Protein backbone atom coordinates (compact mmCIF):
# COMPACT_ATOMS: atom_id res chain seq x y z
CA UNK A 1 5.47 -15.32 -48.65
CA UNK A 2 5.79 -18.48 -46.57
CA UNK A 3 8.02 -21.22 -47.94
CA UNK A 4 7.64 -24.97 -47.97
CA UNK A 5 8.21 -25.33 -44.23
CA UNK A 6 5.98 -23.51 -41.74
CA UNK A 7 8.39 -24.03 -38.84
CA UNK A 8 12.16 -24.39 -38.77
CA UNK A 9 13.87 -25.52 -35.57
CA UNK A 10 17.56 -24.77 -35.00
CA UNK A 11 19.46 -26.79 -32.40
CA UNK A 12 22.42 -24.78 -31.09
CA UNK A 13 25.21 -26.03 -28.84
CA UNK A 14 24.21 -24.30 -25.59
CA UNK A 15 22.53 -25.75 -22.53
CA UNK A 16 19.27 -27.67 -22.81
CA UNK A 17 17.81 -28.03 -19.30
CA UNK A 18 14.35 -29.17 -20.46
CA UNK A 19 14.77 -31.54 -23.42
CA UNK A 20 11.46 -33.28 -22.75
CA UNK A 21 9.71 -29.92 -23.08
CA UNK A 22 11.25 -29.51 -26.52
CA UNK A 23 10.63 -33.04 -27.78
CA UNK A 24 6.88 -32.95 -27.31
CA UNK A 25 6.58 -29.73 -29.33
CA UNK A 26 8.25 -31.10 -32.47
CA UNK A 27 6.35 -32.80 -35.27
CA UNK A 28 7.36 -34.54 -38.48
CA UNK A 29 6.54 -31.50 -40.63
CA UNK A 30 9.20 -29.35 -38.97
CA UNK A 31 12.52 -28.70 -40.71
CA UNK A 32 15.39 -29.43 -38.31
CA UNK A 33 18.79 -27.71 -38.49
CA UNK A 34 21.70 -28.90 -36.34
CA UNK A 35 23.99 -25.97 -35.61
CA UNK A 36 27.43 -27.56 -35.24
CA UNK A 37 27.53 -29.27 -31.80
CA UNK A 38 23.76 -28.82 -31.53
CA UNK A 39 23.67 -32.08 -33.45
CA UNK A 40 24.29 -33.79 -30.09
CA UNK A 41 21.09 -32.35 -28.61
CA UNK A 42 19.09 -33.23 -31.69
CA UNK A 43 20.22 -36.85 -31.87
CA UNK A 44 19.80 -37.29 -28.09
CA UNK A 45 16.10 -36.70 -28.71
CA UNK A 46 16.10 -39.40 -31.38
CA UNK A 47 15.71 -36.90 -34.22
CA UNK A 48 17.32 -36.74 -37.64
CA UNK A 49 18.46 -33.35 -38.99
CA UNK A 50 17.48 -32.03 -42.38
CA UNK A 51 20.58 -29.83 -42.44
CA UNK A 52 23.84 -29.62 -40.47
CA UNK A 53 25.59 -26.26 -40.55
CA UNK A 54 28.72 -24.82 -38.92
CA UNK A 55 32.49 -25.10 -38.85
CA UNK A 56 32.12 -28.60 -37.33
CA UNK A 57 34.57 -27.98 -34.50
CA UNK A 58 32.14 -29.39 -31.92
CA UNK A 59 30.65 -32.29 -33.88
CA UNK A 60 31.62 -35.90 -33.37
CA UNK A 61 33.23 -37.02 -36.62
CA UNK A 62 31.58 -40.45 -36.64
CA UNK A 63 28.16 -38.93 -36.05
CA UNK A 64 28.69 -36.46 -38.86
CA UNK A 65 29.77 -39.24 -41.21
CA UNK A 66 26.69 -41.27 -40.24
CA UNK A 67 24.38 -38.52 -41.46
CA UNK A 68 26.53 -37.81 -44.50
CA UNK A 69 25.92 -41.42 -45.57
CA UNK A 70 22.20 -40.82 -45.07
CA UNK A 71 22.39 -37.93 -47.54
CA UNK A 72 21.70 -35.26 -44.92
CA UNK A 73 22.73 -31.86 -46.29
CA UNK A 74 25.93 -30.56 -44.64
CA UNK A 75 27.03 -26.95 -44.95
CA UNK A 76 30.58 -26.60 -43.62
CA UNK A 77 32.14 -23.20 -42.98
CA UNK A 78 35.73 -22.25 -42.07
CA UNK A 79 36.45 -21.64 -38.36
CA UNK A 80 37.77 -18.12 -39.11
CA UNK A 81 34.63 -16.20 -40.05
CA UNK A 82 32.72 -13.03 -39.18
CA UNK A 83 29.57 -14.81 -37.95
CA UNK A 84 29.05 -17.49 -35.35
CA UNK A 85 27.47 -20.77 -36.41
CA UNK A 86 24.03 -19.79 -35.13
CA UNK A 87 23.96 -16.62 -37.21
CA UNK A 88 24.78 -18.67 -40.30
CA UNK A 89 21.99 -21.10 -39.44
CA UNK A 90 19.48 -18.29 -38.91
CA UNK A 91 20.36 -16.88 -42.31
CA UNK A 92 19.81 -20.31 -43.87
CA UNK A 93 16.44 -20.55 -42.13
CA UNK A 94 15.37 -17.04 -43.17
CA UNK A 95 16.16 -17.89 -46.79
CA UNK A 96 13.54 -20.65 -46.59
CA UNK A 97 10.81 -18.13 -45.68
CA UNK A 98 9.21 -19.95 -42.74
CA UNK A 99 6.37 -18.65 -40.61
CA UNK A 100 8.13 -19.66 -37.38
CA UNK A 101 11.72 -20.18 -36.23
CA UNK A 102 12.56 -21.85 -32.92
CA UNK A 103 16.13 -21.58 -31.69
CA UNK A 104 16.84 -24.37 -29.20
CA UNK A 105 19.72 -24.40 -26.69
CA UNK A 106 21.14 -20.97 -27.54
CA UNK A 107 21.74 -20.00 -23.88
CA UNK A 108 24.58 -21.21 -21.70
CA UNK A 109 27.54 -20.51 -19.46
CA UNK A 110 29.37 -18.25 -21.92
CA UNK A 111 27.84 -14.82 -21.39
CA UNK A 112 29.34 -13.47 -24.63
CA UNK A 113 27.74 -16.18 -26.74
CA UNK A 114 24.46 -15.96 -24.83
CA UNK A 115 24.14 -12.18 -25.28
CA UNK A 116 25.15 -12.37 -28.92
CA UNK A 117 22.56 -15.09 -29.56
CA UNK A 118 19.80 -13.11 -27.84
CA UNK A 119 20.60 -10.00 -29.88
CA UNK A 120 20.31 -12.04 -33.06
CA UNK A 121 16.56 -11.82 -32.44
CA UNK A 122 16.74 -8.13 -33.42
CA UNK A 123 17.71 -8.91 -37.03
CA UNK A 124 15.52 -6.98 -39.46
CA UNK A 125 14.89 -10.06 -41.57
CA UNK A 126 13.19 -11.70 -38.56
CA UNK A 127 10.58 -8.96 -38.14
CA UNK A 128 7.88 -10.92 -39.99
CA UNK A 129 8.93 -14.33 -38.64
CA UNK A 130 7.67 -15.58 -35.27
CA UNK A 131 11.06 -16.28 -33.67
CA UNK A 132 11.71 -17.74 -30.22
CA UNK A 133 14.74 -18.91 -28.24
CA UNK A 134 13.62 -21.90 -26.18
CA UNK A 135 15.28 -24.49 -23.95
CA UNK A 136 12.32 -26.33 -22.45
CA UNK A 137 12.14 -24.14 -19.34
CA UNK A 138 12.37 -20.63 -20.85
CA UNK A 139 10.90 -18.88 -23.86
CA UNK A 140 12.56 -15.68 -25.13
CA UNK A 141 11.07 -13.51 -27.86
CA UNK A 142 10.77 -9.90 -28.94
CA UNK A 143 7.62 -7.83 -28.72
CA UNK A 144 7.47 -5.26 -31.50
CA UNK A 145 3.78 -4.41 -31.17
CA UNK A 146 1.82 -6.91 -29.09
CA UNK A 147 1.97 -10.48 -27.82
CA UNK A 148 -0.04 -13.03 -25.87
CA UNK A 149 1.57 -15.45 -23.42
CA UNK A 150 -0.03 -18.74 -22.44
CA UNK A 151 1.03 -20.39 -19.20
CA UNK A 152 -0.08 -20.93 -15.62
CA UNK A 153 -0.51 -18.67 -12.62
CA UNK A 154 2.77 -17.85 -10.91
CA UNK A 155 5.07 -18.24 -13.90
CA UNK A 156 7.66 -15.47 -14.14
CA UNK A 157 7.61 -12.96 -16.98
CA UNK A 158 10.40 -10.40 -17.38
CA UNK A 159 10.25 -7.49 -19.82
CA UNK A 160 13.55 -5.91 -20.88
CA UNK A 161 13.84 -2.96 -23.28
CA UNK A 162 16.31 -3.42 -26.13
CA UNK A 163 18.11 -0.57 -27.95
CA UNK A 164 16.46 2.13 -25.83
CA UNK A 165 13.25 2.96 -23.90
CA UNK A 166 10.00 1.19 -24.77
CA UNK A 167 6.95 3.44 -24.54
CA UNK A 168 3.23 2.94 -24.12
CA UNK A 169 3.47 -0.48 -22.48
CA UNK A 170 0.13 -1.99 -21.45
CA UNK A 171 -0.20 -5.38 -19.79
CA UNK A 172 -3.05 -7.67 -18.77
CA UNK A 173 -2.82 -10.82 -16.66
CA UNK A 174 0.37 -9.87 -14.80
CA UNK A 175 0.72 -9.26 -11.07
CA UNK A 176 2.34 -5.84 -11.55
CA UNK A 177 0.41 -4.17 -14.36
CA UNK A 178 1.77 -1.51 -16.68
CA UNK A 179 -0.70 1.04 -17.99
CA UNK A 180 0.68 3.11 -20.85
CA UNK A 181 4.09 3.28 -19.17
CA UNK A 182 7.75 3.32 -20.21
CA UNK A 183 10.52 0.87 -19.40
CA UNK A 184 14.17 1.87 -19.67
CA UNK A 185 17.17 -0.39 -20.45
CA UNK A 186 19.19 1.13 -17.58
CA UNK A 187 16.51 0.32 -14.99
CA UNK A 188 15.12 -2.99 -13.78
CA UNK A 189 11.42 -2.33 -13.29
CA UNK A 190 10.27 -4.94 -15.82
CA UNK A 191 12.07 -7.85 -14.17
CA UNK A 192 10.28 -10.72 -12.39
CA UNK A 193 6.63 -10.01 -13.00
CA UNK A 194 4.24 -12.96 -12.58
CA UNK A 195 1.29 -14.38 -14.46
CA UNK A 196 -2.03 -14.18 -12.59
CA UNK A 197 -4.11 -16.06 -15.17
CA UNK A 198 -3.62 -18.68 -17.87
CA UNK A 199 -2.89 -15.96 -20.38
CA UNK A 200 -1.19 -12.57 -20.30
CA UNK A 201 -1.21 -9.85 -22.91
CA UNK A 202 1.43 -7.21 -23.58
CA UNK A 203 1.18 -4.31 -26.03
CA UNK A 204 3.60 -1.46 -26.76
CA UNK A 205 3.42 1.77 -28.76
CA UNK A 206 7.05 1.85 -29.89
CA UNK A 207 10.40 0.31 -29.15
CA UNK A 208 11.67 -3.24 -28.87
CA UNK A 209 10.84 -5.32 -25.79
CA UNK A 210 12.48 -8.64 -24.90
CA UNK A 211 10.12 -10.99 -23.10
CA UNK A 212 11.54 -13.83 -21.00
CA UNK A 213 8.83 -16.28 -19.95
CA UNK A 214 9.87 -18.91 -17.44
CA UNK A 215 7.76 -21.98 -18.20
CA UNK A 216 7.98 -23.39 -14.66
CA UNK A 217 6.87 -21.79 -11.42
CA UNK A 218 9.58 -20.07 -9.35
């Protein structure tokens, strides 16, 4: 069952190398969540959050007070907790039953935070929600059965198995095709493939496959 909002967009506090690529994909019907310091990214794009969530250790106090006065919902958590702010925000988004979740600016210089944020995509409660990590130049998502990728010739596509081997992989529209083959997490065969057409298609028989689509040419 889909809730009131078809798409929920979470702004995390990581790097955002392509803000213009994010801005043009947002419309007024989207529900916007600022994840702690992600409020800075959101407001830099001239957007107003529907919800601010986190322990507020990275948020400018004056900015937070500005939105408090505008009756924006604020969900403050203690700094000592078992989840990071993004996990809390994802849970809030899942509870709203959207069709799509975009997680913006969840990648960055801290490898621990970056890996943890990527693995949040494997949550069971996201299986039926079209969930992507995006930053304007990259699009990360999980393939559980099949997926289509729209882009341009030459864009890089990397396929990385998660939690174990991925079997029965079949691809179309990529320079190095896979035909009912297996990729392994301890090998690098799926890295740095390239699109040969405007659209590529990837299907798997079983497993969990992380797709990293670079939205610009190498």
